[in-house]
Amino acid sequence: MEDFLDFFLIGCCAVLGITILFCMIRAIRGPRFADRVMSINSIGTMIIAIMAILSVVLEADYLIDISIAYALLSFIAVVVLTKLVMLRRNEKKKEDETSRTAQGERET
């Protein structure tokens, strides 16, 4: 029974690895920056799941600690990327508003 469980868990790791490849394709192709951020976040989540599965298969408790640290770093990275996107969007809105007001003053 233990051999079946190991085989099943390794199969789950393989499926997660394949889905990581699909997420990599989505991260490269885009089309929007938000799609890229979400696919990178999904890759991080799947890597955490793979580490948790491997900790069970290999009976290595330290992999759980590493996956928790990786989860924290992944969360911080997504928050920083989101903040950068919001700052860029706000700057673009301000530039658009200033260009519209400049065009309005030229027309009058």
N, C-alpha and C. Protein backbone atom coordinates (compact mmCIF):
# COMPACT_ATOMS: atom_id res chain seq x y z
N MET A 1 0.82 -1.20 0.00
CA MET A 1 0.00 0.00 0.00
C MET A 1 0.86 1.26 0.00
N GLU A 2 2.00 1.19 0.69
CA GLU A 2 2.88 2.35 0.74
C GLU A 2 3.48 2.65 -0.62
N ASP A 3 3.75 1.60 -1.42
CA ASP A 3 4.28 1.81 -2.77
C ASP A 3 3.26 2.53 -3.64
N PHE A 4 1.99 2.18 -3.50
CA PHE A 4 0.94 2.84 -4.27
C PHE A 4 0.86 4.31 -3.89
N LEU A 5 0.96 4.62 -2.61
CA LEU A 5 0.90 6.01 -2.16
C LEU A 5 2.08 6.81 -2.71
N ASP A 6 3.27 6.24 -2.67
CA ASP A 6 4.44 6.91 -3.23
C ASP A 6 4.27 7.14 -4.73
N PHE A 7 3.77 6.14 -5.44
CA PHE A 7 3.54 6.27 -6.87
C PHE A 7 2.51 7.35 -7.16
N PHE A 8 1.44 7.38 -6.38
CA PHE A 8 0.39 8.38 -6.56
C PHE A 8 0.92 9.78 -6.30
N LEU A 9 1.70 9.95 -5.23
CA LEU A 9 2.22 11.27 -4.90
C LEU A 9 3.23 11.76 -5.93
N ILE A 10 4.05 10.87 -6.45
CA ILE A 10 4.99 11.24 -7.51
C ILE A 10 4.21 11.61 -8.78
N GLY A 11 3.13 10.90 -9.05
CA GLY A 11 2.26 11.25 -10.18
C GLY A 11 1.65 12.63 -10.02
N CYS A 12 1.26 12.95 -8.79
CA CYS A 12 0.73 14.30 -8.52
C CYS A 12 1.79 15.36 -8.77
N CYS A 13 3.02 15.07 -8.38
CA CYS A 13 4.12 16.00 -8.64
C CYS A 13 4.33 16.18 -10.14
N ALA A 14 4.21 15.11 -10.90
CA ALA A 14 4.37 15.20 -12.36
C ALA A 14 3.26 16.06 -12.97
N VAL A 15 2.03 15.87 -12.51
CA VAL A 15 0.92 16.67 -13.03
C VAL A 15 1.13 18.14 -12.67
N LEU A 16 1.56 18.41 -11.46
CA LEU A 16 1.83 19.79 -11.07
C LEU A 16 2.96 20.38 -11.90
N GLY A 17 3.96 19.57 -12.22
CA GLY A 17 5.05 20.04 -13.07
C GLY A 17 4.57 20.42 -14.46
N ILE A 18 3.65 19.63 -15.01
CA ILE A 18 3.10 19.95 -16.32
C ILE A 18 2.28 21.23 -16.27
N THR A 19 1.50 21.41 -15.21
CA THR A 19 0.73 22.64 -15.09
C THR A 19 1.63 23.85 -14.87
N ILE A 20 2.80 23.65 -14.26
CA ILE A 20 3.77 24.74 -14.14
C ILE A 20 4.24 25.17 -15.53
N LEU A 21 4.45 24.21 -16.42
CA LEU A 21 4.85 24.55 -17.79
C LEU A 21 3.77 25.37 -18.50
N PHE A 22 2.51 25.00 -18.32
CA PHE A 22 1.42 25.78 -18.91
C PHE A 22 1.36 27.20 -18.34
N CYS A 23 1.61 27.31 -17.04
CA CYS A 23 1.63 28.64 -16.42
C CYS A 23 2.80 29.46 -16.93
N MET A 24 3.93 28.81 -17.20
CA MET A 24 5.08 29.52 -17.78
C MET A 24 4.72 30.08 -19.16
N ILE A 25 3.99 29.29 -19.94
CA ILE A 25 3.56 29.77 -21.25
C ILE A 25 2.66 30.98 -21.09
N ARG A 26 1.75 30.94 -20.14
CA ARG A 26 0.86 32.07 -19.89
C ARG A 26 1.65 33.29 -19.42
N ALA A 27 2.68 33.06 -18.61
CA ALA A 27 3.50 34.18 -18.12
C ALA A 27 4.28 34.83 -19.26
N ILE A 28 4.70 34.04 -20.23
CA ILE A 28 5.46 34.59 -21.34
C ILE A 28 4.55 35.29 -22.35
N ARG A 29 3.43 34.67 -22.66
CA ARG A 29 2.54 35.21 -23.70
C ARG A 29 1.68 36.37 -23.24
N GLY A 30 1.39 36.44 -21.96
CA GLY A 30 0.60 37.58 -21.47
C GLY A 30 -0.88 37.39 -21.65
N PRO A 31 -1.61 38.27 -22.21
CA PRO A 31 -1.28 39.53 -22.87
C PRO A 31 -1.12 40.71 -21.90
N ARG A 32 -1.75 40.64 -20.73
CA ARG A 32 -1.66 41.75 -19.79
C ARG A 32 -0.68 41.43 -18.68
N PHE A 33 -0.27 42.49 -17.99
CA PHE A 33 0.66 42.32 -16.88
C PHE A 33 0.01 41.56 -15.74
N ALA A 34 -1.28 41.76 -15.54
CA ALA A 34 -2.00 41.05 -14.47
C ALA A 34 -2.01 39.55 -14.73
N ASP A 35 -2.14 39.15 -15.99
CA ASP A 35 -2.08 37.72 -16.34
C ASP A 35 -0.73 37.12 -15.98
N ARG A 36 0.31 37.89 -16.23
CA ARG A 36 1.66 37.42 -15.91
C ARG A 36 1.86 37.27 -14.41
N VAL A 37 1.39 38.24 -13.65
CA VAL A 37 1.53 38.18 -12.19
C VAL A 37 0.75 37.00 -11.62
N MET A 38 -0.45 36.78 -12.12
CA MET A 38 -1.26 35.66 -11.63
C MET A 38 -0.64 34.31 -11.98
N SER A 39 -0.06 34.20 -13.17
CA SER A 39 0.56 32.92 -13.54
C SER A 39 1.82 32.67 -12.71
N ILE A 40 2.58 33.71 -12.43
CA ILE A 40 3.77 33.54 -11.58
C ILE A 40 3.35 33.17 -10.16
N ASN A 41 2.26 33.76 -9.67
CA ASN A 41 1.74 33.41 -8.35
C ASN A 41 1.27 31.96 -8.34
N SER A 42 0.64 31.52 -9.41
CA SER A 42 0.20 30.12 -9.50
C SER A 42 1.39 29.17 -9.52
N ILE A 43 2.44 29.55 -10.22
CA ILE A 43 3.65 28.73 -10.25
C ILE A 43 4.21 28.59 -8.84
N GLY A 44 4.26 29.69 -8.10
CA GLY A 44 4.75 29.64 -6.72
C GLY A 44 3.91 28.72 -5.84
N THR A 45 2.61 28.79 -6.01
CA THR A 45 1.72 27.93 -5.22
C THR A 45 1.93 26.46 -5.55
N MET A 46 2.11 26.15 -6.84
CA MET A 46 2.33 24.76 -7.22
C MET A 46 3.68 24.25 -6.74
N ILE A 47 4.68 25.11 -6.73
CA ILE A 47 5.98 24.70 -6.20
C ILE A 47 5.88 24.40 -4.71
N ILE A 48 5.11 25.18 -3.99
CA ILE A 48 4.89 24.92 -2.56
C ILE A 48 4.21 23.57 -2.38
N ALA A 49 3.23 23.27 -3.23
CA ALA A 49 2.54 21.97 -3.14
C ALA A 49 3.49 20.82 -3.45
N ILE A 50 4.34 21.01 -4.45
CA ILE A 50 5.31 19.96 -4.78
C ILE A 50 6.26 19.73 -3.62
N MET A 51 6.72 20.80 -2.99
CA MET A 51 7.62 20.63 -1.84
C MET A 51 6.92 19.91 -0.69
N ALA A 52 5.64 20.21 -0.46
CA ALA A 52 4.91 19.53 0.61
C ALA A 52 4.74 18.04 0.29
N ILE A 53 4.44 17.73 -0.97
CA ILE A 53 4.30 16.32 -1.36
C ILE A 53 5.63 15.59 -1.22
N LEU A 54 6.71 16.23 -1.67
CA LEU A 54 8.02 15.59 -1.57
C LEU A 54 8.46 15.40 -0.12
N SER A 55 8.02 16.29 0.76
CA SER A 55 8.37 16.11 2.17
C SER A 55 7.71 14.86 2.74
N VAL A 56 6.53 14.52 2.24
CA VAL A 56 5.87 13.29 2.68
C VAL A 56 6.56 12.07 2.08
N VAL A 57 6.86 12.16 0.77
CA VAL A 57 7.47 11.02 0.09
C VAL A 57 8.86 10.73 0.64
N LEU A 58 9.65 11.77 0.80
CA LEU A 58 11.03 11.61 1.25
C LEU A 58 11.18 11.57 2.77
N GLU A 59 10.08 11.81 3.47
CA GLU A 59 10.07 11.89 4.94
C GLU A 59 11.11 12.90 5.43
N ALA A 60 11.09 14.07 4.79
CA ALA A 60 12.02 15.14 5.14
C ALA A 60 11.21 16.33 5.66
N ASP A 61 11.23 16.52 6.98
CA ASP A 61 10.44 17.57 7.59
C ASP A 61 10.92 18.97 7.25
N TYR A 62 12.20 19.11 6.93
CA TYR A 62 12.74 20.42 6.64
C TYR A 62 12.15 21.03 5.37
N LEU A 63 11.62 20.21 4.46
CA LEU A 63 11.01 20.74 3.24
C LEU A 63 9.75 21.54 3.54
N ILE A 64 9.05 21.20 4.61
CA ILE A 64 7.87 21.97 5.01
C ILE A 64 8.31 23.36 5.45
N ASP A 65 9.40 23.45 6.21
CA ASP A 65 9.90 24.75 6.64
C ASP A 65 10.31 25.60 5.44
N ILE A 66 10.96 24.98 4.48
CA ILE A 66 11.38 25.69 3.28
C ILE A 66 10.16 26.16 2.48
N SER A 67 9.13 25.33 2.40
CA SER A 67 7.94 25.72 1.65
C SER A 67 7.20 26.87 2.33
N ILE A 68 7.21 26.91 3.66
CA ILE A 68 6.59 28.03 4.36
C ILE A 68 7.35 29.33 4.08
N ALA A 69 8.66 29.27 4.12
CA ALA A 69 9.47 30.45 3.82
C ALA A 69 9.25 30.89 2.37
N TYR A 70 9.17 29.93 1.47
CA TYR A 70 8.93 30.25 0.06
C TYR A 70 7.55 30.88 -0.13
N ALA A 71 6.56 30.42 0.62
CA ALA A 71 5.22 31.00 0.54
C ALA A 71 5.23 32.45 1.00
N LEU A 72 5.95 32.74 2.05
CA LEU A 72 6.04 34.12 2.52
C LEU A 72 6.73 35.01 1.49
N LEU A 73 7.82 34.53 0.91
CA LEU A 73 8.51 35.32 -0.12
C LEU A 73 7.64 35.52 -1.36
N SER A 74 6.91 34.50 -1.74
CA SER A 74 6.03 34.61 -2.89
C SER A 74 4.92 35.63 -2.63
N PHE A 75 4.37 35.62 -1.44
CA PHE A 75 3.33 36.58 -1.09
C PHE A 75 3.87 38.01 -1.13
N ILE A 76 5.05 38.21 -0.57
CA ILE A 76 5.64 39.55 -0.56
C ILE A 76 5.93 40.01 -1.99
N ALA A 77 6.39 39.12 -2.84
CA ALA A 77 6.68 39.47 -4.23
C ALA A 77 5.42 39.89 -4.96
N VAL A 78 4.33 39.19 -4.74
CA VAL A 78 3.07 39.54 -5.40
C VAL A 78 2.56 40.89 -4.90
N VAL A 79 2.70 41.15 -3.62
CA VAL A 79 2.26 42.44 -3.07
C VAL A 79 3.08 43.58 -3.67
N VAL A 80 4.39 43.39 -3.78
CA VAL A 80 5.26 44.43 -4.35
C VAL A 80 4.93 44.66 -5.82
N LEU A 81 4.74 43.59 -6.58
CA LEU A 81 4.39 43.73 -7.99
C LEU A 81 3.05 44.44 -8.17
N THR A 82 2.10 44.13 -7.33
CA THR A 82 0.80 44.79 -7.40
C THR A 82 0.94 46.27 -7.08
N LYS A 83 1.73 46.60 -6.10
CA LYS A 83 1.96 48.00 -5.74
C LYS A 83 2.61 48.75 -6.90
N LEU A 84 3.58 48.12 -7.57
CA LEU A 84 4.22 48.76 -8.71
C LEU A 84 3.24 48.99 -9.85
N VAL A 85 2.38 48.02 -10.09
CA VAL A 85 1.38 48.17 -11.15
C VAL A 85 0.43 49.32 -10.82
N MET A 86 0.01 49.41 -9.58
CA MET A 86 -0.90 50.48 -9.19
C MET A 86 -0.22 51.86 -9.32
N LEU A 87 1.04 51.96 -8.94
CA LEU A 87 1.76 53.22 -9.08
C LEU A 87 1.89 53.61 -10.55
N ARG A 88 2.22 52.64 -11.39
CA ARG A 88 2.36 52.92 -12.82
C ARG A 88 1.02 53.35 -13.42
N ARG A 89 -0.05 52.71 -13.01
CA ARG A 89 -1.37 53.05 -13.53
C ARG A 89 -1.78 54.47 -13.09
N ASN A 90 -1.49 54.82 -11.83
CA ASN A 90 -1.82 56.16 -11.35
C ASN A 90 -1.01 57.23 -12.08
N GLU A 91 0.27 56.95 -12.34
CA GLU A 91 1.10 57.90 -13.09
C GLU A 91 0.58 58.07 -14.51
N LYS A 92 0.15 57.00 -15.11
CA LYS A 92 -0.38 57.08 -16.47
C LYS A 92 -1.67 57.90 -16.50
N LYS A 93 -2.52 57.72 -15.49
CA LYS A 93 -3.76 58.51 -15.42
C LYS A 93 -3.44 59.99 -15.28
N LYS A 94 -2.46 60.33 -14.45
CA LYS A 94 -2.09 61.73 -14.27
C LYS A 94 -1.54 62.31 -15.56
N GLU A 95 -0.73 61.55 -16.29
CA GLU A 95 -0.20 62.02 -17.57
C GLU A 95 -1.33 62.24 -18.58
N ASP A 96 -2.30 61.33 -18.60
CA ASP A 96 -3.43 61.48 -19.51
C ASP A 96 -4.24 62.73 -19.16
N GLU A 97 -4.46 62.96 -17.88
CA GLU A 97 -5.23 64.13 -17.47
C GLU A 97 -4.51 65.42 -17.81
N THR A 98 -3.20 65.47 -17.61
CA THR A 98 -2.46 66.68 -17.94
C THR A 98 -2.43 66.92 -19.44
N SER A 99 -2.34 65.84 -20.23
CA SER A 99 -2.36 66.03 -21.68
C SER A 99 -3.74 66.47 -22.15
N ARG A 100 -4.79 66.00 -21.52
CA ARG A 100 -6.15 66.43 -21.90
C ARG A 100 -6.38 67.90 -21.53
N THR A 101 -5.92 68.29 -20.36
CA THR A 101 -6.11 69.70 -19.98
C THR A 101 -5.26 70.61 -20.87
N ALA A 102 -4.07 70.16 -21.27
CA ALA A 102 -3.23 70.96 -22.16
C ALA A 102 -3.89 71.09 -23.54
N GLN A 103 -4.51 70.03 -24.02
CA GLN A 103 -5.21 70.08 -25.30
C GLN A 103 -6.43 70.97 -25.21
N GLY A 104 -7.12 70.95 -24.08
CA GLY A 104 -8.29 71.79 -23.88
C GLY A 104 -7.92 73.26 -23.85
N GLU A 105 -6.78 73.59 -23.27
CA GLU A 105 -6.33 74.98 -23.23
C GLU A 105 -5.91 75.46 -24.61
N ARG A 106 -5.36 74.60 -25.42
CA ARG A 106 -4.94 74.96 -26.78
C ARG A 106 -6.14 75.23 -27.66
N GLU A 107 -7.22 74.50 -27.46
CA GLU A 107 -8.42 74.67 -28.30
C GLU A 107 -9.14 75.96 -27.99
N THR A 108 -9.04 76.47 -26.78
CA THR A 108 -9.78 77.69 -26.42
C THR A 108 -9.04 78.94 -26.73
